[in-house]
PDB file of N, CA and C in Angstrom:
ATOM      1  N   MET A   1     -34.710  36.893  46.390  1.00  0.00           N
ATOM      2  CA  MET A   1     -35.701  35.889  46.716  1.00  0.00           C
ATOM      3  C   MET A   1     -35.194  34.524  46.278  1.00  0.00           C
ATOM      4  N   PRO A   2     -35.347  33.483  47.121  1.00  0.00           N
ATOM      5  CA  PRO A   2     -34.861  32.149  46.767  1.00  0.00           C
ATOM      6  C   PRO A   2     -35.595  31.580  45.561  1.00  0.00           C
ATOM      7  N   LYS A   3     -34.881  30.761  44.804  1.00  0.00           N
ATOM      8  CA  LYS A   3     -35.506  30.113  43.664  1.00  0.00           C
ATOM      9  C   LYS A   3     -36.518  29.072  44.142  1.00  0.00           C
ATOM     10  N   LYS A   4     -37.420  28.701  43.281  1.00  0.00           N
ATOM     11  CA  LYS A   4     -38.421  27.687  43.587  1.00  0.00           C
ATOM     12  C   LYS A   4     -37.758  26.309  43.528  1.00  0.00           C
ATOM     13  N   ILE A   5     -38.006  25.491  44.530  1.00  0.00           N
ATOM     14  CA  ILE A   5     -37.406  24.162  44.600  1.00  0.00           C
ATOM     15  C   ILE A   5     -38.505  23.126  44.440  1.00  0.00           C
ATOM     16  N   ASN A   6     -38.378  22.276  43.444  1.00  0.00           N
ATOM     17  CA  ASN A   6     -39.353  21.212  43.196  1.00  0.00           C
ATOM     18  C   ASN A   6     -38.676  19.862  43.325  1.00  0.00           C
ATOM     19  N   PHE A   7     -39.341  18.930  43.942  1.00  0.00           N
ATOM     20  CA  PHE A   7     -38.856  17.555  43.962  1.00  0.00           C
ATOM     21  C   PHE A   7     -40.037  16.629  44.174  1.00  0.00           C
ATOM     22  N   LYS A   8     -39.885  15.390  43.748  1.00  0.00           N
ATOM     23  CA  LYS A   8     -40.947  14.397  43.837  1.00  0.00           C
ATOM     24  C   LYS A   8     -40.482  13.270  44.746  1.00  0.00           C
ATOM     25  N   VAL A   9     -41.367  12.838  45.632  1.00  0.00           N
ATOM     26  CA  VAL A   9     -41.064  11.722  46.523  1.00  0.00           C
ATOM     27  C   VAL A   9     -42.137  10.663  46.314  1.00  0.00           C
ATOM     28  N   ASP A  10     -41.743   9.494  45.862  1.00  0.00           N
ATOM     29  CA  ASP A  10     -42.679   8.385  45.731  1.00  0.00           C
ATOM     30  C   ASP A  10     -42.800   7.692  47.082  1.00  0.00           C
ATOM     31  N   VAL A  11     -44.028   7.444  47.512  1.00  0.00           N
ATOM     32  CA  VAL A  11     -44.253   6.776  48.792  1.00  0.00           C
ATOM     33  C   VAL A  11     -44.967   5.456  48.564  1.00  0.00           C
ATOM     34  N   ALA A  12     -44.726   4.519  49.469  1.00  0.00           N
ATOM     35  CA  ALA A  12     -45.354   3.214  49.375  1.00  0.00           C
ATOM     36  C   ALA A  12     -46.853   3.329  49.621  1.00  0.00           C
ATOM     37  N   LYS A  13     -47.604   2.454  49.016  1.00  0.00           N
ATOM     38  CA  LYS A  13     -49.048   2.438  49.216  1.00  0.00           C
ATOM     39  C   LYS A  13     -49.339   2.273  50.707  1.00  0.00           C
ATOM     40  N   GLY A  14     -50.230   3.089  51.213  1.00  0.00           N
ATOM     41  CA  GLY A  14     -50.573   3.020  52.625  1.00  0.00           C
ATOM     42  C   GLY A  14     -49.717   3.901  53.511  1.00  0.00           C
ATOM     43  N   CYS A  15     -48.664   4.497  52.941  1.00  0.00           N
ATOM     44  CA  CYS A  15     -47.787   5.391  53.702  1.00  0.00           C
ATOM     45  C   CYS A  15     -48.461   6.753  53.818  1.00  0.00           C
ATOM     46  N   VAL A  16     -48.549   7.249  55.023  1.00  0.00           N
ATOM     47  CA  VAL A  16     -49.140   8.568  55.248  1.00  0.00           C
ATOM     48  C   VAL A  16     -48.039   9.502  55.748  1.00  0.00           C
ATOM     49  N   PRO A  17     -47.603  10.445  54.913  1.00  0.00           N
ATOM     50  CA  PRO A  17     -46.574  11.388  55.353  1.00  0.00           C
ATOM     51  C   PRO A  17     -47.061  12.222  56.545  1.00  0.00           C
ATOM     52  N   VAL A  18     -46.149  12.512  57.462  1.00  0.00           N
ATOM     53  CA  VAL A  18     -46.456  13.328  58.633  1.00  0.00           C
ATOM     54  C   VAL A  18     -45.569  14.565  58.572  1.00  0.00           C
ATOM     55  N   VAL A  19     -46.175  15.739  58.712  1.00  0.00           N
ATOM     56  CA  VAL A  19     -45.434  16.995  58.675  1.00  0.00           C
ATOM     57  C   VAL A  19     -45.286  17.519  60.096  1.00  0.00           C
ATOM     58  N   GLU A  20     -44.039  17.782  60.491  1.00  0.00           N
ATOM     59  CA  GLU A  20     -43.740  18.344  61.811  1.00  0.00           C
ATOM     60  C   GLU A  20     -43.184  19.750  61.593  1.00  0.00           C
ATOM     61  N   VAL A  21     -43.812  20.761  62.204  1.00  0.00           N
ATOM     62  CA  VAL A  21     -43.392  22.147  62.049  1.00  0.00           C
ATOM     63  C   VAL A  21     -42.809  22.639  63.364  1.00  0.00           C
ATOM     64  N   ASP A  22     -41.599  23.197  63.298  1.00  0.00           N
ATOM     65  CA  ASP A  22     -40.945  23.789  64.463  1.00  0.00           C
ATOM     66  C   ASP A  22     -40.968  25.303  64.261  1.00  0.00           C
ATOM     67  N   THR A  23     -41.898  25.988  64.938  1.00  0.00           N
ATOM     68  CA  THR A  23     -42.043  27.419  64.743  1.00  0.00           C
ATOM     69  C   THR A  23     -40.881  28.209  65.331  1.00  0.00           C
ATOM     70  N   VAL A  24     -40.229  27.680  66.360  1.00  0.00           N
ATOM     71  CA  VAL A  24     -39.088  28.360  66.965  1.00  0.00           C
ATOM     72  C   VAL A  24     -37.902  28.352  66.003  1.00  0.00           C
ATOM     73  N   ALA A  25     -37.611  27.188  65.425  1.00  0.00           N
ATOM     74  CA  ALA A  25     -36.483  27.062  64.493  1.00  0.00           C
ATOM     75  C   ALA A  25     -36.856  27.484  63.072  1.00  0.00           C
ATOM     76  N   GLN A  26     -38.133  27.760  62.848  1.00  0.00           N
ATOM     77  CA  GLN A  26     -38.649  28.082  61.525  1.00  0.00           C
ATOM     78  C   GLN A  26     -38.255  27.006  60.517  1.00  0.00           C
ATOM     79  N   ALA A  27     -38.591  25.776  60.865  1.00  0.00           N
ATOM     80  CA  ALA A  27     -38.226  24.626  60.040  1.00  0.00           C
ATOM     81  C   ALA A  27     -39.386  23.639  59.979  1.00  0.00           C
ATOM     82  N   LEU A  28     -39.312  22.747  59.005  1.00  0.00           N
ATOM     83  CA  LEU A  28     -40.286  21.665  58.965  1.00  0.00           C
ATOM     84  C   LEU A  28     -39.598  20.376  58.537  1.00  0.00           C
ATOM     85  N   TYR A  29     -40.195  19.266  58.949  1.00  0.00           N
ATOM     86  CA  TYR A  29     -39.696  17.946  58.585  1.00  0.00           C
ATOM     87  C   TYR A  29     -40.891  17.110  58.165  1.00  0.00           C
ATOM     88  N   VAL A  30     -40.788  16.459  57.029  1.00  0.00           N
ATOM     89  CA  VAL A  30     -41.841  15.577  56.548  1.00  0.00           C
ATOM     90  C   VAL A  30     -41.336  14.144  56.670  1.00  0.00           C
ATOM     91  N   TYR A  31     -42.015  13.357  57.523  1.00  0.00           N
ATOM     92  CA  TYR A  31     -41.661  11.956  57.715  1.00  0.00           C
ATOM     93  C   TYR A  31     -42.414  11.085  56.718  1.00  0.00           C
ATOM     94  N   PHE A  32     -41.707  10.183  56.050  1.00  0.00           N
ATOM     95  CA  PHE A  32     -42.330   9.197  55.186  1.00  0.00           C
ATOM     96  C   PHE A  32     -42.214   7.804  55.792  1.00  0.00           C
ATOM     97  N   GLN A  33     -41.225   7.629  56.663  1.00  0.00           N
ATOM     98  CA  GLN A  33     -41.014   6.365  57.383  1.00  0.00           C
ATOM     99  C   GLN A  33     -40.588   6.714  58.800  1.00  0.00           C
ATOM    100  N   ARG A  34     -41.020   5.932  59.767  1.00  0.00           N
ATOM    101  CA  ARG A  34     -40.614   6.127  61.169  1.00  0.00           C
ATOM    102  C   ARG A  34     -39.852   4.888  61.626  1.00  0.00           C
ATOM    103  N   GLY A  35     -38.900   5.092  62.533  1.00  0.00           N
ATOM    104  CA  GLY A  35     -38.176   3.969  63.113  1.00  0.00           C
ATOM    105  C   GLY A  35     -37.145   3.341  62.192  1.00  0.00           C
ATOM    106  N   VAL A  36     -36.764   4.047  61.135  1.00  0.00           N
ATOM    107  CA  VAL A  36     -35.775   3.536  60.184  1.00  0.00           C
ATOM    108  C   VAL A  36     -34.495   4.348  60.354  1.00  0.00           C
ATOM    109  N   LYS A  37     -33.355   3.661  60.385  1.00  0.00           N
ATOM    110  CA  LYS A  37     -32.065   4.326  60.564  1.00  0.00           C
ATOM    111  C   LYS A  37     -31.682   5.110  59.306  1.00  0.00           C
ATOM    112  N   ILE A  38     -31.238   6.347  59.509  1.00  0.00           N
ATOM    113  CA  ILE A  38     -30.785   7.189  58.397  1.00  0.00           C
ATOM    114  C   ILE A  38     -29.393   6.737  57.974  1.00  0.00           C
ATOM    115  N   ALA A  39     -29.255   6.388  56.686  1.00  0.00           N
ATOM    116  CA  ALA A  39     -27.968   5.950  56.156  1.00  0.00           C
ATOM    117  C   ALA A  39     -27.226   7.094  55.467  1.00  0.00           C
ATOM    118  N   LYS A  40     -28.004   8.057  54.922  1.00  0.00           N
ATOM    119  CA  LYS A  40     -27.380   9.138  54.159  1.00  0.00           C
ATOM    120  C   LYS A  40     -28.321  10.340  54.131  1.00  0.00           C
ATOM    121  N   THR A  41     -27.739  11.521  54.189  1.00  0.00           N
ATOM    122  CA  THR A  41     -28.496  12.752  54.028  1.00  0.00           C
ATOM    123  C   THR A  41     -28.006  13.451  52.764  1.00  0.00           C
ATOM    124  N   VAL A  42     -28.939  13.799  51.891  1.00  0.00           N
ATOM    125  CA  VAL A  42     -28.619  14.448  50.628  1.00  0.00           C
ATOM    126  C   VAL A  42     -29.147  15.877  50.683  1.00  0.00           C
ATOM    127  N   VAL A  43     -28.248  16.854  50.503  1.00  0.00           N
ATOM    128  CA  VAL A  43     -28.638  18.258  50.519  1.00  0.00           C
ATOM    129  C   VAL A  43     -29.000  18.675  49.096  1.00  0.00           C
ATOM    130  N   GLN A  44     -30.234  19.166  48.926  1.00  0.00           N
ATOM    131  CA  GLN A  44     -30.709  19.606  47.619  1.00  0.00           C
ATOM    132  C   GLN A  44     -30.450  21.094  47.421  1.00  0.00           C
ATOM    133  N   SER A  45     -30.460  21.852  48.521  1.00  0.00           N
ATOM    134  CA  SER A  45     -30.298  23.299  48.437  1.00  0.00           C
ATOM    135  C   SER A  45     -29.699  23.795  49.744  1.00  0.00           C
ATOM    136  N   GLN A  46     -28.819  24.790  49.660  1.00  0.00           N
ATOM    137  CA  GLN A  46     -28.220  25.366  50.855  1.00  0.00           C
ATOM    138  C   GLN A  46     -29.089  26.465  51.451  1.00  0.00           C
ATOM    139  N   TRP A  47     -29.727  27.290  50.592  1.00  0.00           N
ATOM    140  CA  TRP A  47     -30.603  28.348  51.100  1.00  0.00           C
ATOM    141  C   TRP A  47     -31.816  28.492  50.216  1.00  0.00           C
ATOM    142  N   PRO A  48     -32.970  28.230  50.678  1.00  0.00           N
ATOM    143  CA  PRO A  48     -33.213  27.659  51.995  1.00  0.00           C
ATOM    144  C   PRO A  48     -32.701  26.224  52.040  1.00  0.00           C
ATOM    145  N   LEU A  49     -32.338  25.774  53.220  1.00  0.00           N
ATOM    146  CA  LEU A  49     -31.824  24.411  53.360  1.00  0.00           C
ATOM    147  C   LEU A  49     -32.947  23.416  53.087  1.00  0.00           C
ATOM    148  N   VAL A  50     -32.710  22.536  52.128  1.00  0.00           N
ATOM    149  CA  VAL A  50     -33.620  21.437  51.839  1.00  0.00           C
ATOM    150  C   VAL A  50     -32.760  20.187  51.748  1.00  0.00           C
ATOM    151  N   ALA A  51     -33.058  19.214  52.612  1.00  0.00           N
ATOM    152  CA  ALA A  51     -32.261  17.986  52.645  1.00  0.00           C
ATOM    153  C   ALA A  51     -33.184  16.783  52.790  1.00  0.00           C
ATOM    154  N   GLY A  52     -32.754  15.679  52.222  1.00  0.00           N
ATOM    155  CA  GLY A  52     -33.518  14.439  52.321  1.00  0.00           C
ATOM    156  C   GLY A  52     -32.715  13.383  53.062  1.00  0.00           C
ATOM    157  N   ASP A  53     -33.366  12.676  53.976  1.00  0.00           N
ATOM    158  CA  ASP A  53     -32.739  11.560  54.687  1.00  0.00           C
ATOM    159  C   ASP A  53     -33.141  10.260  54.004  1.00  0.00           C
ATOM    160  N   LEU A  54     -32.130   9.421  53.716  1.00  0.00           N
ATOM    161  CA  LEU A  54     -32.360   8.166  52.995  1.00  0.00           C
ATOM    162  C   LEU A  54     -31.996   6.970  53.856  1.00  0.00           C
ATOM    163  N   ASP A  55     -32.680   5.837  53.621  1.00  0.00           N
ATOM    164  CA  ASP A  55     -32.325   4.599  54.307  1.00  0.00           C
ATOM    165  C   ASP A  55     -31.238   3.885  53.508  1.00  0.00           C
ATOM    166  N   LYS A  56     -30.827   2.698  53.932  1.00  0.00           N
ATOM    167  CA  LYS A  56     -29.728   1.977  53.272  1.00  0.00           C
ATOM    168  C   LYS A  56     -30.052   1.574  51.842  1.00  0.00           C
ATOM    169  N   ASN A  57     -31.352   1.545  51.482  1.00  0.00           N
ATOM    170  CA  ASN A  57     -31.766   1.189  50.124  1.00  0.00           C
ATOM    171  C   ASN A  57     -31.981   2.409  49.238  1.00  0.00           C
ATOM    172  N   GLY A  58     -31.778   3.611  49.802  1.00  0.00           N
ATOM    173  CA  GLY A  58     -31.965   4.837  49.044  1.00  0.00           C
ATOM    174  C   GLY A  58     -33.390   5.362  49.069  1.00  0.00           C
ATOM    175  N   SER A  59     -34.252   4.746  49.870  1.00  0.00           N
ATOM    176  CA  SER A  59     -35.635   5.215  49.996  1.00  0.00           C
ATOM    177  C   SER A  59     -35.671   6.411  50.948  1.00  0.00           C
ATOM    178  N   VAL A  60     -36.564   7.337  50.671  1.00  0.00           N
ATOM    179  CA  VAL A  60     -36.664   8.559  51.479  1.00  0.00           C
ATOM    180  C   VAL A  60     -37.330   8.265  52.813  1.00  0.00           C
ATOM    181  N   ILE A  61     -36.634   8.659  53.883  1.00  0.00           N
ATOM    182  CA  ILE A  61     -37.184   8.562  55.232  1.00  0.00           C
ATOM    183  C   ILE A  61     -37.915   9.859  55.563  1.00  0.00           C
ATOM    184  N   GLY A  62     -37.300  10.978  55.179  1.00  0.00           N
ATOM    185  CA  GLY A  62     -37.904  12.261  55.475  1.00  0.00           C
ATOM    186  C   GLY A  62     -37.198  13.387  54.747  1.00  0.00           C
ATOM    187  N   VAL A  63     -37.873  14.550  54.722  1.00  0.00           N
ATOM    188  CA  VAL A  63     -37.327  15.734  54.077  1.00  0.00           C
ATOM    189  C   VAL A  63     -37.354  16.877  55.081  1.00  0.00           C
ATOM    190  N   ASP A  64     -36.248  17.590  55.183  1.00  0.00           N
ATOM    191  CA  ASP A  64     -36.085  18.691  56.126  1.00  0.00           C
ATOM    192  C   ASP A  64     -35.949  19.985  55.337  1.00  0.00           C
ATOM    193  N   ALA A  65     -36.641  21.036  55.791  1.00  0.00           N
ATOM    194  CA  ALA A  65     -36.516  22.350  55.155  1.00  0.00           C
ATOM    195  C   ALA A  65     -36.472  23.414  56.239  1.00  0.00           C
ATOM    196  N   CYS A  66     -35.536  24.345  56.093  1.00  0.00           N
ATOM    197  CA  CYS A  66     -35.460  25.467  57.035  1.00  0.00           C
ATOM    198  C   CYS A  66     -34.701  26.617  56.403  1.00  0.00           C
TER     199      CYS A  66
END
């Protein structure tokens, strides 16, 4: 059984995270910002895959899990 993965994401006041679930791919993506170019993707875990997309300032754009 995979270990428990914990992480904290600080969001700007007024930011409403949006969760997108892909049942076919058995994955989810949580958007914290829309329309921002991804500068870097940081992988937190290989299995299950948990990765965070960051903007040029290091702020979280979104988190992907599958």
